């Protein structure tokens, strides 16, 4: 995972909404698609971008593909952001 891919994936509001949906656990692509007024191919594209960025993982069960958050990537991004928090004592 590189930060460029992560931030590119996060730049799209649909992908951010998908990530919010996945906070509560894994969902199938069909369940995700039901929440949006777009084609299955478009949802598939957004999911592939999130997967490419390492923000989600997929697992297969029977005829379904389930997606879930990859929290380790979020932890890495938060750690990187935390360096900009500033501490008055360090000045």
C-alpha atoms as a PDB file:
ATOM      1  CA  UNK A   1       0.000   0.000   0.000  1.00  0.00           C
ATOM      2  CA  UNK A   2       1.201   3.461  -0.854  1.00  0.00           C
ATOM      3  CA  UNK A   3      -0.244   6.678   0.439  1.00  0.00           C
ATOM      4  CA  UNK A   4      -0.905   7.882  -3.124  1.00  0.00           C
ATOM      5  CA  UNK A   5      -3.285   4.967  -3.781  1.00  0.00           C
ATOM      6  CA  UNK A   6      -4.884   5.371  -0.371  1.00  0.00           C
ATOM      7  CA  UNK A   7      -5.588   9.080  -0.774  1.00  0.00           C
ATOM      8  CA  UNK A   8      -6.792   8.599  -4.343  1.00  0.00           C
ATOM      9  CA  UNK A   9      -9.258   5.970  -3.152  1.00  0.00           C
ATOM     10  CA  UNK A  10     -10.404   8.183  -0.282  1.00  0.00           C
ATOM     11  CA  UNK A  11     -10.936  11.168  -2.584  1.00  0.00           C
ATOM     12  CA  UNK A  12     -14.175   9.733  -3.962  1.00  0.00           C
ATOM     13  CA  UNK A  13     -17.347  10.249  -1.869  1.00  0.00           C
ATOM     14  CA  UNK A  14     -18.889   6.936  -2.985  1.00  0.00           C
ATOM     15  CA  UNK A  15     -15.818   5.028  -1.816  1.00  0.00           C
ATOM     16  CA  UNK A  16     -15.844   6.885   1.497  1.00  0.00           C
ATOM     17  CA  UNK A  17     -19.509   5.940   1.952  1.00  0.00           C
ATOM     18  CA  UNK A  18     -18.691   2.286   1.217  1.00  0.00           C
ATOM     19  CA  UNK A  19     -16.012   2.400   3.920  1.00  0.00           C
ATOM     20  CA  UNK A  20     -18.535   3.825   6.385  1.00  0.00           C
ATOM     21  CA  UNK A  21     -20.921   0.985   5.524  1.00  0.00           C
ATOM     22  CA  UNK A  22     -18.185  -1.560   6.224  1.00  0.00           C
ATOM     23  CA  UNK A  23     -17.522  -0.204   9.734  1.00  0.00           C
ATOM     24  CA  UNK A  24     -20.092  -2.619  11.119  1.00  0.00           C
ATOM     25  CA  UNK A  25     -18.663  -5.698   9.456  1.00  0.00           C
ATOM     26  CA  UNK A  26     -18.341  -7.444   6.140  1.00  0.00           C
ATOM     27  CA  UNK A  27     -20.904  -7.001   3.375  1.00  0.00           C
ATOM     28  CA  UNK A  28     -21.433  -8.609   0.005  1.00  0.00           C
ATOM     29  CA  UNK A  29     -21.039  -6.572  -3.149  1.00  0.00           C
ATOM     30  CA  UNK A  30     -24.783  -6.942  -3.702  1.00  0.00           C
ATOM     31  CA  UNK A  31     -25.594  -5.548  -0.267  1.00  0.00           C
ATOM     32  CA  UNK A  32     -23.308  -2.589  -0.923  1.00  0.00           C
ATOM     33  CA  UNK A  33     -24.792  -2.010  -4.363  1.00  0.00           C
ATOM     34  CA  UNK A  34     -28.350  -1.852  -2.989  1.00  0.00           C
ATOM     35  CA  UNK A  35     -27.460   1.414  -1.234  1.00  0.00           C
ATOM     36  CA  UNK A  36     -26.471   3.249  -4.413  1.00  0.00           C
ATOM     37  CA  UNK A  37     -28.276   4.255  -7.599  1.00  0.00           C
ATOM     38  CA  UNK A  38     -25.569   2.948  -9.913  1.00  0.00           C
ATOM     39  CA  UNK A  39     -24.777  -0.139 -11.917  1.00  0.00           C
ATOM     40  CA  UNK A  40     -23.143  -3.223 -10.495  1.00  0.00           C
ATOM     41  CA  UNK A  41     -20.157  -2.559 -12.743  1.00  0.00           C
ATOM     42  CA  UNK A  42     -19.697   0.874 -11.187  1.00  0.00           C
ATOM     43  CA  UNK A  43     -19.867  -0.559  -7.660  1.00  0.00           C
ATOM     44  CA  UNK A  44     -17.378  -3.226  -8.713  1.00  0.00           C
ATOM     45  CA  UNK A  45     -15.019  -0.512  -9.950  1.00  0.00           C
ATOM     46  CA  UNK A  46     -15.212   1.368  -6.644  1.00  0.00           C
ATOM     47  CA  UNK A  47     -14.619  -1.823  -4.681  1.00  0.00           C
ATOM     48  CA  UNK A  48     -11.613  -2.682  -6.852  1.00  0.00           C
ATOM     49  CA  UNK A  49     -10.137   0.769  -6.203  1.00  0.00           C
ATOM     50  CA  UNK A  50     -10.581   0.308  -2.464  1.00  0.00           C
ATOM     51  CA  UNK A  51      -9.021  -3.138  -2.687  1.00  0.00           C
ATOM     52  CA  UNK A  52      -6.117  -1.833  -4.784  1.00  0.00           C
ATOM     53  CA  UNK A  53      -5.455   0.791  -2.102  1.00  0.00           C
ATOM     54  CA  UNK A  54      -5.503  -1.908   0.562  1.00  0.00           C
ATOM     55  CA  UNK A  55      -8.440  -0.314   2.374  1.00  0.00           C
ATOM     56  CA  UNK A  56     -10.661  -3.384   2.030  1.00  0.00           C
ATOM     57  CA  UNK A  57     -10.119  -7.104   1.734  1.00  0.00           C
ATOM     58  CA  UNK A  58     -12.352  -9.637   0.074  1.00  0.00           C
ATOM     59  CA  UNK A  59     -13.292 -13.172   0.942  1.00  0.00           C
ATOM     60  CA  UNK A  60     -15.386 -15.636  -0.999  1.00  0.00           C
ATOM     61  CA  UNK A  61     -18.123 -17.778   0.449  1.00  0.00           C
ATOM     62  CA  UNK A  62     -20.199 -19.927  -1.883  1.00  0.00           C
ATOM     63  CA  UNK A  63     -21.319 -17.640  -4.735  1.00  0.00           C
ATOM     64  CA  UNK A  64     -20.686 -14.386  -2.891  1.00  0.00           C
ATOM     65  CA  UNK A  65     -17.742 -12.081  -2.397  1.00  0.00           C
ATOM     66  CA  UNK A  66     -17.659 -10.263   0.916  1.00  0.00           C
ATOM     67  CA  UNK A  67     -15.732  -7.085   1.619  1.00  0.00           C
ATOM     68  CA  UNK A  68     -14.440  -5.828   4.945  1.00  0.00           C
ATOM     69  CA  UNK A  69     -12.225  -3.039   6.212  1.00  0.00           C
ATOM     70  CA  UNK A  70      -8.489  -3.575   6.403  1.00  0.00           C
ATOM     71  CA  UNK A  71      -7.937  -1.740   9.659  1.00  0.00           C
ATOM     72  CA  UNK A  72      -4.148  -2.005   9.520  1.00  0.00           C
ATOM     73  CA  UNK A  73      -4.075   0.459   6.607  1.00  0.00           C
ATOM     74  CA  UNK A  74      -6.273   2.897   8.538  1.00  0.00           C
ATOM     75  CA  UNK A  75      -3.962   2.582  11.532  1.00  0.00           C
ATOM     76  CA  UNK A  76      -0.952   3.355   9.339  1.00  0.00           C
ATOM     77  CA  UNK A  77      -2.637   6.439   7.870  1.00  0.00           C
ATOM     78  CA  UNK A  78      -3.707   7.654  11.323  1.00  0.00           C
ATOM     79  CA  UNK A  79      -0.176   7.191  12.615  1.00  0.00           C
ATOM     80  CA  UNK A  80       1.120   9.262   9.719  1.00  0.00           C
ATOM     81  CA  UNK A  81      -1.505  11.989  10.360  1.00  0.00           C
ATOM     82  CA  UNK A  82      -0.694  12.061  14.063  1.00  0.00           C
ATOM     83  CA  UNK A  83       2.719  13.576  13.382  1.00  0.00           C
ATOM     84  CA  UNK A  84       0.942  16.786  12.394  1.00  0.00           C
ATOM     85  CA  UNK A  85      -1.056  17.051  15.621  1.00  0.00           C
ATOM     86  CA  UNK A  86       1.518  19.315  17.189  1.00  0.00           C
ATOM     87  CA  UNK A  87       2.439  19.402  20.798  1.00  0.00           C
ATOM     88  CA  UNK A  88       3.103  22.777  22.373  1.00  0.00           C
ATOM     89  CA  UNK A  89       5.761  21.247  24.651  1.00  0.00           C
ATOM     90  CA  UNK A  90       7.885  20.243  21.656  1.00  0.00           C
ATOM     91  CA  UNK A  91       8.345  23.837  20.428  1.00  0.00           C
END
